[in-house]
Amino acid sequence: PLLSSLRLTALDMSKQLTSLDEKATFLEASKLLEKQKVIPVLKSD
């Protein structure tokens, strides 16, 4: 494959996190926040 740059990008430094949907409860969120500092809320990715 083509390598166009060796510069660091936001994607290179990003972390993959567990997400929740908007109907998830505070209880679900609080349990997940014990494992990660922030939760992305997604709908269809």
Full PDB file with SEQRES, HELIX, SHEET, SSBOND, CRYST1, ORIGX, SCALE, CONECT and MASTER records, all heavy atoms in Angstrom:
SEQRES   1 A   45  PRO LEU LEU SER SER LEU ARG LEU THR ALA LEU ASP MET          
SEQRES   2 A   45  SER LYS GLN LEU THR SER LEU ASP GLU LYS ALA THR PHE          
SEQRES   3 A   45  LEU GLU ALA SER LYS LEU LEU GLU LYS GLN LYS VAL ILE          
SEQRES   4 A   45  PRO VAL LEU LYS SER ASP                                      
HELIX    1 AA1 ALA A   10  MET A   13  1                                   4    
HELIX    2 AA2 PHE A   26  LEU A   32  1                                   7    
CRYST1    1.000    1.000    1.000  90.00  90.00  90.00 P 1           1          
ORIGX1      1.000000  0.000000  0.000000        0.00000                         
ORIGX2      0.000000  1.000000  0.000000        0.00000                         
ORIGX3      0.000000  0.000000  1.000000        0.00000                         
SCALE1      1.000000  0.000000  0.000000        0.00000                         
SCALE2      0.000000  1.000000  0.000000        0.00000                         
SCALE3      0.000000  0.000000  1.000000        0.00000                         
ATOM      1  N   PRO A   1       0.818  -1.213   0.000  1.00  0.00           N  
ATOM      2  CA  PRO A   1       0.000   0.000   0.000  1.00  0.00           C  
ATOM      3  C   PRO A   1       0.852   1.264   0.000  1.00  0.00           C  
ATOM      4  O   PRO A   1       2.041   1.234   0.341  1.00  0.00           O  
ATOM      5  CB  PRO A   1      -0.811  -0.119   1.294  1.00  0.00           C  
ATOM      6  CG  PRO A   1       0.011  -0.998   2.171  1.00  0.00           C  
ATOM      7  CD  PRO A   1       0.703  -1.968   1.262  1.00  0.00           C  
ATOM      8  N   LEU A   2       0.227   2.364  -0.356  1.00  0.00           N  
ATOM      9  CA  LEU A   2       0.896   3.663  -0.413  1.00  0.00           C  
ATOM     10  C   LEU A   2       1.028   4.261   0.980  1.00  0.00           C  
ATOM     11  O   LEU A   2       0.086   4.242   1.773  1.00  0.00           O  
ATOM     12  CB  LEU A   2       0.100   4.616  -1.310  1.00  0.00           C  
ATOM     13  CG  LEU A   2       0.598   6.055  -1.395  1.00  0.00           C  
ATOM     14  CD1 LEU A   2       1.939   6.116  -2.118  1.00  0.00           C  
ATOM     15  CD2 LEU A   2      -0.432   6.926  -2.105  1.00  0.00           C  
ATOM     16  N   LEU A   3       2.206   4.790   1.283  1.00  0.00           N  
ATOM     17  CA  LEU A   3       2.436   5.540   2.511  1.00  0.00           C  
ATOM     18  C   LEU A   3       2.751   6.970   2.094  1.00  0.00           C  
ATOM     19  O   LEU A   3       3.825   7.242   1.559  1.00  0.00           O  
ATOM     20  CB  LEU A   3       3.598   4.943   3.312  1.00  0.00           C  
ATOM     21  CG  LEU A   3       3.963   5.658   4.617  1.00  0.00           C  
ATOM     22  CD1 LEU A   3       2.815   5.572   5.618  1.00  0.00           C  
ATOM     23  CD2 LEU A   3       5.234   5.080   5.216  1.00  0.00           C  
ATOM     24  N   SER A   4       1.818   7.880   2.317  1.00  0.00           N  
ATOM     25  CA  SER A   4       1.994   9.252   1.854  1.00  0.00           C  
ATOM     26  C   SER A   4       2.672  10.133   2.886  1.00  0.00           C  
ATOM     27  O   SER A   4       3.236  11.173   2.539  1.00  0.00           O  
ATOM     28  CB  SER A   4       0.645   9.861   1.467  1.00  0.00           C  
ATOM     29  OG  SER A   4      -0.260   9.804   2.555  1.00  0.00           O  
ATOM     30  N   SER A   5       2.622   9.745   4.150  1.00  0.00           N  
ATOM     31  CA  SER A   5       3.228  10.579   5.180  1.00  0.00           C  
ATOM     32  C   SER A   5       3.508   9.769   6.438  1.00  0.00           C  
ATOM     33  O   SER A   5       2.802   8.805   6.739  1.00  0.00           O  
ATOM     34  CB  SER A   5       2.296  11.746   5.526  1.00  0.00           C  
ATOM     35  OG  SER A   5       2.823  12.515   6.602  1.00  0.00           O  
ATOM     36  N   LEU A   6       4.561  10.183   7.153  1.00  0.00           N  
ATOM     37  CA  LEU A   6       4.888   9.583   8.451  1.00  0.00           C  
ATOM     38  C   LEU A   6       4.501  10.502   9.594  1.00  0.00           C  
ATOM     39  O   LEU A   6       4.801  10.218  10.749  1.00  0.00           O  
ATOM     40  CB  LEU A   6       6.390   9.280   8.518  1.00  0.00           C  
ATOM     41  CG  LEU A   6       6.859   8.077   7.696  1.00  0.00           C  
ATOM     42  CD1 LEU A   6       8.368   8.104   7.529  1.00  0.00           C  
ATOM     43  CD2 LEU A   6       6.412   6.768   8.349  1.00  0.00           C  
ATOM     44  N   ARG A   7       3.849  11.610   9.262  1.00  0.00           N  
ATOM     45  CA  ARG A   7       3.442  12.542  10.313  1.00  0.00           C  
ATOM     46  C   ARG A   7       2.355  11.915  11.178  1.00  0.00           C  
ATOM     47  O   ARG A   7       1.484  11.204  10.685  1.00  0.00           O  
ATOM     48  CB  ARG A   7       2.929  13.849   9.711  1.00  0.00           C  
ATOM     49  CG  ARG A   7       4.013  14.679   9.041  1.00  0.00           C  
ATOM     50  CD  ARG A   7       3.486  16.040   8.617  1.00  0.00           C  
ATOM     51  NE  ARG A   7       4.565  16.859   8.092  1.00  0.00           N  
ATOM     52  CZ  ARG A   7       4.920  16.887   6.818  1.00  0.00           C  
ATOM     53  NH1 ARG A   7       4.265  16.125   5.941  1.00  0.00           N  
ATOM     54  NH2 ARG A   7       5.906  17.645   6.406  1.00  0.00           N  
ATOM     55  N   LEU A   8       2.404  12.219  12.452  1.00  0.00           N  
ATOM     56  CA  LEU A   8       1.362  11.751  13.348  1.00  0.00           C  
ATOM     57  C   LEU A   8       0.059  12.465  13.035  1.00  0.00           C  
ATOM     58  O   LEU A   8       0.037  13.667  12.798  1.00  0.00           O  
ATOM     59  CB  LEU A   8       1.746  12.024  14.805  1.00  0.00           C  
ATOM     60  CG  LEU A   8       2.680  11.029  15.479  1.00  0.00           C  
ATOM     61  CD1 LEU A   8       3.015  11.521  16.878  1.00  0.00           C  
ATOM     62  CD2 LEU A   8       2.050   9.643  15.556  1.00  0.00           C  
ATOM     63  N   THR A   9      -1.026  11.735  13.041  1.00  0.00           N  
ATOM     64  CA  THR A   9      -2.338  12.312  12.829  1.00  0.00           C  
ATOM     65  C   THR A   9      -3.215  12.046  14.051  1.00  0.00           C  
ATOM     66  O   THR A   9      -2.870  11.247  14.923  1.00  0.00           O  
ATOM     67  CB  THR A   9      -3.018  11.716  11.590  1.00  0.00           C  
ATOM     68  OG1 THR A   9      -3.278  10.313  11.844  1.00  0.00           O  
ATOM     69  CG2 THR A   9      -2.136  11.870  10.349  1.00  0.00           C  
ATOM     70  N   ALA A  10      -4.337  12.715  14.072  1.00  0.00           N  
ATOM     71  CA  ALA A  10      -5.279  12.501  15.169  1.00  0.00           C  
ATOM     72  C   ALA A  10      -5.696  11.037  15.240  1.00  0.00           C  
ATOM     73  O   ALA A  10      -5.841  10.475  16.329  1.00  0.00           O  
ATOM     74  CB  ALA A  10      -6.507  13.390  14.976  1.00  0.00           C  
ATOM     75  N   LEU A  11      -5.862  10.410  14.091  1.00  0.00           N  
ATOM     76  CA  LEU A  11      -6.261   9.005  14.078  1.00  0.00           C  
ATOM     77  C   LEU A  11      -5.174   8.116  14.667  1.00  0.00           C  
ATOM     78  O   LEU A  11      -5.464   7.161  15.395  1.00  0.00           O  
ATOM     79  CB  LEU A  11      -6.588   8.570  12.646  1.00  0.00           C  
ATOM     80  CG  LEU A  11      -7.158   7.162  12.496  1.00  0.00           C  
ATOM     81  CD1 LEU A  11      -8.477   7.028  13.254  1.00  0.00           C  
ATOM     82  CD2 LEU A  11      -7.373   6.827  11.026  1.00  0.00           C  
ATOM     83  N   ASP A  12      -3.907   8.436  14.381  1.00  0.00           N  
ATOM     84  CA  ASP A  12      -2.800   7.648  14.929  1.00  0.00           C  
ATOM     85  C   ASP A  12      -2.804   7.679  16.456  1.00  0.00           C  
ATOM     86  O   ASP A  12      -2.477   6.688  17.108  1.00  0.00           O  
ATOM     87  CB  ASP A  12      -1.458   8.193  14.436  1.00  0.00           C  
ATOM     88  CG  ASP A  12      -1.266   7.996  12.943  1.00  0.00           C  
ATOM     89  OD1 ASP A  12      -1.669   6.936  12.444  1.00  0.00           O  
ATOM     90  OD2 ASP A  12      -0.727   8.895  12.290  1.00  0.00           O  
ATOM     91  N   MET A  13      -3.116   8.840  17.019  1.00  0.00           N  
ATOM     92  CA  MET A  13      -3.029   9.010  18.473  1.00  0.00           C  
ATOM     93  C   MET A  13      -4.336   8.715  19.189  1.00  0.00           C  
ATOM     94  O   MET A  13      -4.393   8.743  20.420  1.00  0.00           O  
ATOM     95  CB  MET A  13      -2.587  10.446  18.784  1.00  0.00           C  
ATOM     96  CG  MET A  13      -1.185  10.764  18.328  1.00  0.00           C  
ATOM     97  SD  MET A  13      -0.676  12.447  18.763  1.00  0.00           S  
ATOM     98  CE  MET A  13      -1.526  13.384  17.501  1.00  0.00           C  
ATOM     99  N   SER A  14      -5.391   8.459  18.453  1.00  0.00           N  
ATOM    100  CA  SER A  14      -6.704   8.275  19.077  1.00  0.00           C  
ATOM    101  C   SER A  14      -6.814   6.917  19.754  1.00  0.00           C  
ATOM    102  O   SER A  14      -6.134   5.964  19.394  1.00  0.00           O  
ATOM    103  CB  SER A  14      -7.809   8.422  18.035  1.00  0.00           C  
ATOM    104  OG  SER A  14      -7.736   7.381  17.078  1.00  0.00           O  
ATOM    105  N   LYS A  15      -7.691   6.873  20.741  1.00  0.00           N  
ATOM    106  CA  LYS A  15      -7.984   5.641  21.470  1.00  0.00           C  
ATOM    107  C   LYS A  15      -9.341   5.113  21.017  1.00  0.00           C  
ATOM    108  O   LYS A  15     -10.262   5.887  20.756  1.00  0.00           O  
ATOM    109  CB  LYS A  15      -7.990   5.889  22.971  1.00  0.00           C  
ATOM    110  CG  LYS A  15      -6.639   6.257  23.550  1.00  0.00           C  
ATOM    111  CD  LYS A  15      -6.753   6.526  25.046  1.00  0.00           C  
ATOM    112  CE  LYS A  15      -5.378   6.751  25.677  1.00  0.00           C  
ATOM    113  NZ  LYS A  15      -4.712   7.939  25.125  1.00  0.00           N  
ATOM    114  N   GLN A  16      -9.431   3.804  20.960  1.00  0.00           N  
ATOM    115  CA  GLN A  16     -10.706   3.175  20.629  1.00  0.00           C  
ATOM    116  C   GLN A  16     -11.465   2.916  21.918  1.00  0.00           C  
ATOM    117  O   GLN A  16     -10.929   2.308  22.846  1.00  0.00           O  
ATOM    118  CB  GLN A  16     -10.467   1.876  19.865  1.00  0.00           C  
ATOM    119  CG  GLN A  16      -9.664   2.044  18.587  1.00  0.00           C  
ATOM    120  CD  GLN A  16     -10.269   3.067  17.654  1.00  0.00           C  
ATOM    121  OE1 GLN A  16     -11.449   2.981  17.306  1.00  0.00           O  
ATOM    122  NE2 GLN A  16      -9.474   4.040  17.252  1.00  0.00           N  
ATOM    123  N   LEU A  17     -12.706   3.399  22.002  1.00  0.00           N  
ATOM    124  CA  LEU A  17     -13.481   3.314  23.227  1.00  0.00           C  
ATOM    125  C   LEU A  17     -14.792   2.569  23.013  1.00  0.00           C  
ATOM    126  O   LEU A  17     -15.312   2.509  21.901  1.00  0.00           O  
ATOM    127  CB  LEU A  17     -13.802   4.723  23.738  1.00  0.00           C  
ATOM    128  CG  LEU A  17     -12.617   5.648  24.041  1.00  0.00           C  
ATOM    129  CD1 LEU A  17     -13.120   7.025  24.411  1.00  0.00           C  
ATOM    130  CD2 LEU A  17     -11.777   5.072  25.168  1.00  0.00           C  
ATOM    131  N   THR A  18     -15.322   2.038  24.105  1.00  0.00           N  
ATOM    132  CA  THR A  18     -16.659   1.456  24.074  1.00  0.00           C  
ATOM    133  C   THR A  18     -17.669   2.586  24.033  1.00  0.00           C  
ATOM    134  O   THR A  18     -17.550   3.571  24.769  1.00  0.00           O  
ATOM    135  CB  THR A  18     -16.902   0.587  25.312  1.00  0.00           C  
ATOM    136  OG1 THR A  18     -15.916  -0.454  25.349  1.00  0.00           O  
ATOM    137  CG2 THR A  18     -18.283  -0.027  25.281  1.00  0.00           C  
ATOM    138  N   SER A  19     -18.648   2.472  23.192  1.00  0.00           N  
ATOM    139  CA  SER A  19     -19.652   3.530  23.042  1.00  0.00           C  
ATOM    140  C   SER A  19     -20.993   3.066  23.597  1.00  0.00           C  
ATOM    141  O   SER A  19     -21.212   1.879  23.863  1.00  0.00           O  
ATOM    142  CB  SER A  19     -19.805   3.912  21.574  1.00  0.00           C  
ATOM    143  OG  SER A  19     -20.270   2.801  20.818  1.00  0.00           O  
ATOM    144  N   LEU A  20     -21.911   4.015  23.771  1.00  0.00           N  
ATOM    145  CA  LEU A  20     -23.283   3.728  24.178  1.00  0.00           C  
ATOM    146  C   LEU A  20     -24.230   4.452  23.227  1.00  0.00           C  
ATOM    147  O   LEU A  20     -23.818   5.393  22.535  1.00  0.00           O  
ATOM    148  CB  LEU A  20     -23.541   4.205  25.608  1.00  0.00           C  
ATOM    149  CG  LEU A  20     -22.777   3.499  26.738  1.00  0.00           C  
ATOM    150  CD1 LEU A  20     -23.064   4.169  28.065  1.00  0.00           C  
ATOM    151  CD2 LEU A  20     -23.152   2.011  26.803  1.00  0.00           C  
ATOM    152  N   ASP A  21     -25.483   4.015  23.213  1.00  0.00           N  
ATOM    153  CA  ASP A  21     -26.465   4.779  22.445  1.00  0.00           C  
ATOM    154  C   ASP A  21     -27.168   5.759  23.376  1.00  0.00           C  
ATOM    155  O   ASP A  21     -26.995   5.712  24.598  1.00  0.00           O  
ATOM    156  CB  ASP A  21     -27.464   3.872  21.721  1.00  0.00           C  
ATOM    157  CG  ASP A  21     -28.311   3.037  22.676  1.00  0.00           C  
ATOM    158  OD1 ASP A  21     -28.808   3.594  23.682  1.00  0.00           O  
ATOM    159  OD2 ASP A  21     -28.484   1.833  22.423  1.00  0.00           O  
ATOM    160  N   GLU A  22     -27.947   6.648  22.829  1.00  0.00           N  
ATOM    161  CA  GLU A  22     -28.520   7.746  23.612  1.00  0.00           C  
ATOM    162  C   GLU A  22     -29.552   7.274  24.633  1.00  0.00           C  
ATOM    163  O   GLU A  22     -29.912   8.018  25.551  1.00  0.00           O  
ATOM    164  CB  GLU A  22     -29.147   8.781  22.682  1.00  0.00           C  
ATOM    165  CG  GLU A  22     -30.255   8.247  21.807  1.00  0.00           C  
ATOM    166  CD  GLU A  22     -30.786   9.293  20.842  1.00  0.00           C  
ATOM    167  OE1 GLU A  22     -30.577  10.491  21.105  1.00  0.00           O  
ATOM    168  OE2 GLU A  22     -31.408   8.927  19.825  1.00  0.00           O  
ATOM    169  N   LYS A  23     -30.024   6.029  24.517  1.00  0.00           N  
ATOM    170  CA  LYS A  23     -30.999   5.517  25.476  1.00  0.00           C  
ATOM    171  C   LYS A  23     -30.342   4.756  26.624  1.00  0.00           C  
ATOM    172  O   LYS A  23     -31.042   4.252  27.503  1.00  0.00           O  
ATOM    173  CB  LYS A  23     -32.010   4.620  24.764  1.00  0.00           C  
ATOM    174  CG  LYS A  23     -32.942   5.378  23.833  1.00  0.00           C  
ATOM    175  CD  LYS A  23     -34.021   4.474  23.268  1.00  0.00           C  
ATOM    176  CE  LYS A  23     -34.993   5.250  22.383  1.00  0.00           C  
ATOM    177  NZ  LYS A  23     -36.062   4.381  21.850  1.00  0.00           N  
ATOM    178  N   ALA A  24     -29.030   4.681  26.638  1.00  0.00           N  
ATOM    179  CA  ALA A  24     -28.334   4.021  27.745  1.00  0.00           C  
ATOM    180  C   ALA A  24     -28.560   4.802  29.030  1.00  0.00           C  
ATOM    181  O   ALA A  24     -28.673   6.034  29.029  1.00  0.00           O  
ATOM    182  CB  ALA A  24     -26.849   3.931  27.441  1.00  0.00           C  
ATOM    183  N   THR A  25     -28.615   4.098  30.149  1.00  0.00           N  
ATOM    184  CA  THR A  25     -28.914   4.740  31.438  1.00  0.00           C  
ATOM    185  C   THR A  25     -27.663   5.287  32.104  1.00  0.00           C  
ATOM    186  O   THR A  25     -26.539   4.919  31.758  1.00  0.00           O  
ATOM    187  CB  THR A  25     -29.571   3.743  32.392  1.00  0.00           C  
ATOM    188  OG1 THR A  25     -28.609   2.724  32.707  1.00  0.00           O  
ATOM    189  CG2 THR A  25     -30.799   3.116  31.762  1.00  0.00           C  
ATOM    190  N   PHE A  26     -27.894   6.173  33.081  1.00  0.00           N  
ATOM    191  CA  PHE A  26     -26.788   6.672  33.897  1.00  0.00           C  
ATOM    192  C   PHE A  26     -26.079   5.508  34.585  1.00  0.00           C  
ATOM    193  O   PHE A  26     -24.868   5.539  34.784  1.00  0.00           O  
ATOM    194  CB  PHE A  26     -27.304   7.645  34.962  1.00  0.00           C  
ATOM    195  CG  PHE A  26     -27.469   9.052  34.473  1.00  0.00           C  
ATOM    196  CD1 PHE A  26     -27.690   9.324  33.134  1.00  0.00           C  
ATOM    197  CD2 PHE A  26     -27.417  10.121  35.363  1.00  0.00           C  
ATOM    198  CE1 PHE A  26     -27.848  10.625  32.691  1.00  0.00           C  
ATOM    199  CE2 PHE A  26     -27.578  11.426  34.932  1.00  0.00           C  
ATOM    200  CZ  PHE A  26     -27.792  11.677  33.589  1.00  0.00           C  
ATOM    201  N   LEU A  27     -26.849   4.465  34.946  1.00  0.00           N  
ATOM    202  CA  LEU A  27     -26.253   3.316  35.618  1.00  0.00           C  
ATOM    203  C   LEU A  27     -25.268   2.620  34.678  1.00  0.00           C  
ATOM    204  O   LEU A  27     -24.136   2.299  35.076  1.00  0.00           O  
ATOM    205  CB  LEU A  27     -27.345   2.336  36.056  1.00  0.00           C  
ATOM    206  CG  LEU A  27     -26.873   1.089  36.803  1.00  0.00           C  
ATOM    207  CD1 LEU A  27     -26.185   1.476  38.103  1.00  0.00           C  
ATOM    208  CD2 LEU A  27     -28.048   0.141  37.074  1.00  0.00           C  
ATOM    209  N   GLU A  28     -25.673   2.407  33.442  1.00  0.00           N  
ATOM    210  CA  GLU A  28     -24.779   1.792  32.462  1.00  0.00           C  
ATOM    211  C   GLU A  28     -23.557   2.680  32.220  1.00  0.00           C  
ATOM    212  O   GLU A  28     -22.427   2.204  32.143  1.00  0.00           O  
ATOM    213  CB  GLU A  28     -25.527   1.571  31.140  1.00  0.00           C  
ATOM    214  CG  GLU A  28     -26.622   0.528  31.208  1.00  0.00           C  
ATOM    215  CD  GLU A  28     -27.423   0.483  29.924  1.00  0.00           C  
ATOM    216  OE1 GLU A  28     -28.205   1.412  29.662  1.00  0.00           O  
ATOM    217  OE2 GLU A  28     -27.261  -0.506  29.168  1.00  0.00           O  
ATOM    218  N   ALA A  29     -23.819   3.977  32.119  1.00  0.00           N  
ATOM    219  CA  ALA A  29     -22.722   4.909  31.856  1.00  0.00           C  
ATOM    220  C   ALA A  29     -21.739   4.946  33.020  1.00  0.00           C  
ATOM    221  O   ALA A  29     -20.518   4.963  32.826  1.00  0.00           O  
ATOM    222  CB  ALA A  29     -23.276   6.300  31.590  1.00  0.00           C  
ATOM    223  N   SER A  30     -22.254   4.952  34.248  1.00  0.00           N  
ATOM    224  CA  SER A  30     -21.377   5.044  35.416  1.00  0.00           C  
ATOM    225  C   SER A  30     -20.490   3.804  35.532  1.00  0.00           C  
ATOM    226  O   SER A  30     -19.316   3.901  35.900  1.00  0.00           O  
ATOM    227  CB  SER A  30     -22.200   5.227  36.693  1.00  0.00           C  
ATOM    228  OG  SER A  30     -23.044   4.113  36.919  1.00  0.00           O  
ATOM    229  N   LYS A  31     -21.023   2.634  35.187  1.00  0.00           N  
ATOM    230  CA  LYS A  31     -20.214   1.418  35.218  1.00  0.00           C  
ATOM    231  C   LYS A  31     -19.124   1.467  34.155  1.00  0.00           C  
ATOM    232  O   LYS A  31     -17.984   1.057  34.397  1.00  0.00           O  
ATOM    233  CB  LYS A  31     -21.109   0.201  35.010  1.00  0.00           C  
ATOM    234  CG  LYS A  31     -22.031  -0.104  36.185  1.00  0.00           C  
ATOM    235  CD  LYS A  31     -22.894  -1.320  35.901  1.00  0.00           C  
ATOM    236  CE  LYS A  31     -23.789  -1.656  37.092  1.00  0.00           C  
ATOM    237  NZ  LYS A  31     -24.669  -2.820  36.821  1.00  0.00           N  
ATOM    238  N   LEU A  32     -19.466   1.994  32.979  1.00  0.00           N  
ATOM    239  CA  LEU A  32     -18.483   2.087  31.896  1.00  0.00           C  
ATOM    240  C   LEU A  32     -17.422   3.135  32.215  1.00  0.00           C  
ATOM    241  O   LEU A  32     -16.246   2.967  31.865  1.00  0.00           O  
ATOM    242  CB  LEU A  32     -19.189   2.425  30.583  1.00  0.00           C  
ATOM    243  CG  LEU A  32     -18.321   2.462  29.321  1.00  0.00           C  
ATOM    244  CD1 LEU A  32     -17.539   1.159  29.147  1.00  0.00           C  
ATOM    245  CD2 LEU A  32     -19.183   2.728  28.096  1.00  0.00           C  
ATOM    246  N   LEU A  33     -17.824   4.199  32.913  1.00  0.00           N  
ATOM    247  CA  LEU A  33     -16.872   5.255  33.254  1.00  0.00           C  
ATOM    248  C   LEU A  33     -15.849   4.805  34.297  1.00  0.00           C  
ATOM    249  O   LEU A  33     -14.865   5.499  34.543  1.00  0.00           O  
ATOM    250  CB  LEU A  33     -17.619   6.505  33.748  1.00  0.00           C  
ATOM    251  CG  LEU A  33     -18.316   7.312  32.646  1.00  0.00           C  
ATOM    252  CD1 LEU A  33     -19.233   8.376  33.250  1.00  0.00           C  
ATOM    253  CD2 LEU A  33     -17.282   7.964  31.722  1.00  0.00           C  
ATOM    254  N   GLU A  34     -16.078   3.658  34.923  1.00  0.00           N  
ATOM    255  CA  GLU A  34     -15.059   3.085  35.802  1.00  0.00           C  
ATOM    256  C   GLU A  34     -13.882   2.545  34.993  1.00  0.00           C  
ATOM    257  O   GLU A  34     -12.774   2.407  35.509  1.00  0.00           O  
ATOM    258  CB  GLU A  34     -15.669   1.960  36.639  1.00  0.00           C  
ATOM    259  CG  GLU A  34     -16.711   2.433  37.653  1.00  0.00           C  
ATOM    260  CD  GLU A  34     -17.335   1.274  38.409  1.00  0.00           C  
ATOM    261  OE1 GLU A  34     -16.935   0.115  38.140  1.00  0.00           O  
ATOM    262  OE2 GLU A  34     -18.210   1.515  39.260  1.00  0.00           O  
ATOM    263  N   LYS A  35     -14.133   2.271  33.695  1.00  0.00           N  
ATOM    264  CA  LYS A  35     -13.105   1.687  32.832  1.00  0.00           C  
ATOM    265  C   LYS A  35     -12.492   2.705  31.878  1.00  0.00           C  
ATOM    266  O   LYS A  35     -11.359   2.555  31.445  1.00  0.00           O  
ATOM    267  CB  LYS A  35     -13.709   0.540  32.022  1.00  0.00           C  
ATOM    268  CG  LYS A  35     -14.328  -0.556  32.870  1.00  0.00           C  
ATOM    269  CD  LYS A  35     -15.008  -1.601  31.999  1.00  0.00           C  
ATOM    270  CE  LYS A  35     -15.663  -2.677  32.840  1.00  0.00           C  
ATOM    271  NZ  LYS A  35     -16.383  -3.679  31.996  1.00  0.00           N  
ATOM    272  N   GLN A  36     -13.236   3.742  31.504  1.00  0.00           N  
ATOM    273  CA  GLN A  36     -12.733   4.759  30.581  1.00  0.00           C  
ATOM    274  C   GLN A  36     -13.242   6.127  31.009  1.00  0.00           C  
ATOM    275  O   GLN A  36     -14.290   6.237  31.649  1.00  0.00           O  
ATOM    276  CB  GLN A  36     -13.150   4.430  29.136  1.00  0.00           C  
ATOM    277  CG  GLN A  36     -14.646   4.336  28.923  1.00  0.00           C  
ATOM    278  CD  GLN A  36     -15.011   3.752  27.553  1.00  0.00           C  
ATOM    279  OE1 GLN A  36     -14.546   2.686  27.167  1.00  0.00           O  
ATOM    280  NE2 GLN A  36     -15.854   4.465  26.800  1.00  0.00           N  
ATOM    281  N   LYS A  37     -12.491   7.148  30.679  1.00  0.00           N  
ATOM    282  CA  LYS A  37     -12.771   8.490  31.196  1.00  0.00           C  
ATOM    283  C   LYS A  37     -13.909   9.194  30.476  1.00  0.00           C  
ATOM    284  O   LYS A  37     -14.490  10.139  31.008  1.00  0.00           O  
ATOM    285  CB  LYS A  37     -11.510   9.346  31.091  1.00  0.00           C  
ATOM    286  CG  LYS A  37     -10.340   8.831  31.904  1.00  0.00           C  
ATOM    287  CD  LYS A  37      -9.110   9.680  31.677  1.00  0.00           C  
ATOM    288  CE  LYS A  37      -7.919   9.142  32.438  1.00  0.00           C  
ATOM    289  NZ  LYS A  37      -6.690   9.932  32.169  1.00  0.00           N  
ATOM    290  N   VAL A  38     -14.210   8.786  29.290  1.00  0.00           N  
ATOM    291  CA  VAL A  38     -15.235   9.448  28.491  1.00  0.00           C  
ATOM    292  C   VAL A  38     -15.951   8.410  27.652  1.00  0.00           C  
ATOM    293  O   VAL A  38     -15.371   7.389  27.276  1.00  0.00           O  
ATOM    294  CB  VAL A  38     -14.613  10.555  27.608  1.00  0.00           C  
ATOM    295  CG1 VAL A  38     -13.612   9.968  26.646  1.00  0.00           C  
ATOM    296  CG2 VAL A  38     -15.678  11.349  26.874  1.00  0.00           C  
ATOM    297  N   ILE A  39     -17.218   8.662  27.371  1.00  0.00           N  
ATOM    298  CA  ILE A  39     -18.027   7.728  26.582  1.00  0.00           C  
ATOM    299  C   ILE A  39     -18.546   8.437  25.340  1.00  0.00           C  
ATOM    300  O   ILE A  39     -19.223   9.460  25.442  1.00  0.00           O  
ATOM    301  CB  ILE A  39     -19.232   7.209  27.392  1.00  0.00           C  
ATOM    302  CG1 ILE A  39     -18.766   6.477  28.660  1.00  0.00           C  
ATOM    303  CG2 ILE A  39     -20.092   6.289  26.538  1.00  0.00           C  
ATOM    304  CD1 ILE A  39     -19.908   6.130  29.596  1.00  0.00           C  
ATOM    305  N   PRO A  40     -18.242   7.918  24.165  1.00  0.00           N  
ATOM    306  CA  PRO A  40     -18.876   8.447  22.949  1.00  0.00           C  
ATOM    307  C   PRO A  40     -20.303   7.908  22.839  1.00  0.00           C  
ATOM    308  O   PRO A  40     -20.542   6.721  23.064  1.00  0.00           O  
ATOM    309  CB  PRO A  40     -17.982   7.925  21.826  1.00  0.00           C  
ATOM    310  CG  PRO A  40     -17.320   6.707  22.381  1.00  0.00           C  
ATOM    311  CD  PRO A  40     -17.223   6.894  23.869  1.00  0.00           C  
ATOM    312  N   VAL A  41     -21.223   8.771  22.508  1.00  0.00           N  
ATOM    313  CA  VAL A  41     -22.616   8.372  22.315  1.00  0.00           C  
ATOM    314  C   VAL A  41     -22.873   8.352  20.815  1.00  0.00           C  
ATOM    315  O   VAL A  41     -22.749   9.381  20.138  1.00  0.00           O  
ATOM    316  CB  VAL A  41     -23.586   9.335  23.024  1.00  0.00           C  
ATOM    317  CG1 VAL A  41     -25.027   8.850  22.840  1.00  0.00           C  
ATOM    318  CG2 VAL A  41     -23.245   9.433  24.513  1.00  0.00           C  
ATOM    319  N   LEU A  42     -23.201   7.167  20.281  1.00  0.00           N  
ATOM    320  CA  LEU A  42     -23.301   6.998  18.841  1.00  0.00           C  
ATOM    321  C   LEU A  42     -24.690   6.531  18.416  1.00  0.00           C  
ATOM    322  O   LEU A  42     -25.416   5.909  19.173  1.00  0.00           O  
ATOM    323  CB  LEU A  42     -22.277   5.955  18.347  1.00  0.00           C  
ATOM    324  CG  LEU A  42     -20.814   6.115  18.748  1.00  0.00           C  
ATOM    325  CD1 LEU A  42     -19.988   5.013  18.106  1.00  0.00           C  
ATOM    326  CD2 LEU A  42     -20.284   7.481  18.350  1.00  0.00           C  
ATOM    327  N   LYS A  43     -25.004   6.857  17.175  1.00  0.00           N  
ATOM    328  CA  LYS A  43     -26.197   6.325  16.516  1.00  0.00           C  
ATOM    329  C   LYS A  43     -25.795   5.961  15.105  1.00  0.00           C  
ATOM    330  O   LYS A  43     -25.406   6.838  14.320  1.00  0.00           O  
ATOM    331  CB  LYS A  43     -27.322   7.355  16.507  1.00  0.00           C  
ATOM    332  CG  LYS A  43     -28.617   6.823  15.898  1.00  0.00           C  
ATOM    333  CD  LYS A  43     -29.734   7.846  15.994  1.00  0.00           C  
ATOM    334  CE  LYS A  43     -31.047   7.285  15.440  1.00  0.00           C  
ATOM    335  NZ  LYS A  43     -32.144   8.281  15.550  1.00  0.00           N  
ATOM    336  N   SER A  44     -25.848   4.672  14.781  1.00  0.00           N  
ATOM    337  CA  SER A  44     -25.395   4.177  13.475  1.00  0.00           C  
ATOM    338  C   SER A  44     -23.963   4.611  13.195  1.00  0.00           C  
ATOM    339  O   SER A  44     -23.640   5.090  12.097  1.00  0.00           O  
ATOM    340  CB  SER A  44     -26.326   4.674  12.361  1.00  0.00           C  
ATOM    341  OG  SER A  44     -27.647   4.247  12.569  1.00  0.00           O  
ATOM    342  N   ASP A  45     -23.111   4.497  14.214  1.00  0.00           N  
ATOM    343  CA  ASP A  45     -21.685   4.841  14.132  1.00  0.00           C  
ATOM    344  C   ASP A  45     -21.421   6.331  13.995  1.00  0.00           C  
ATOM    345  O   ASP A  45     -20.271   6.741  13.849  1.00  0.00           O  
ATOM    346  CB  ASP A  45     -20.996   4.104  12.971  1.00  0.00           C  
ATOM    347  CG  ASP A  45     -20.945   2.602  13.195  1.00  0.00           C  
ATOM    348  OD1 ASP A  45     -20.842   2.192  14.363  1.00  0.00           O  
ATOM    349  OD2 ASP A  45     -21.021   1.851  12.208  1.00  0.00           O  
TER     350      ASP A  45                                                      
MASTER        0    0    0    2    0    0    0    6  349    1    0    4          
END                                                                             
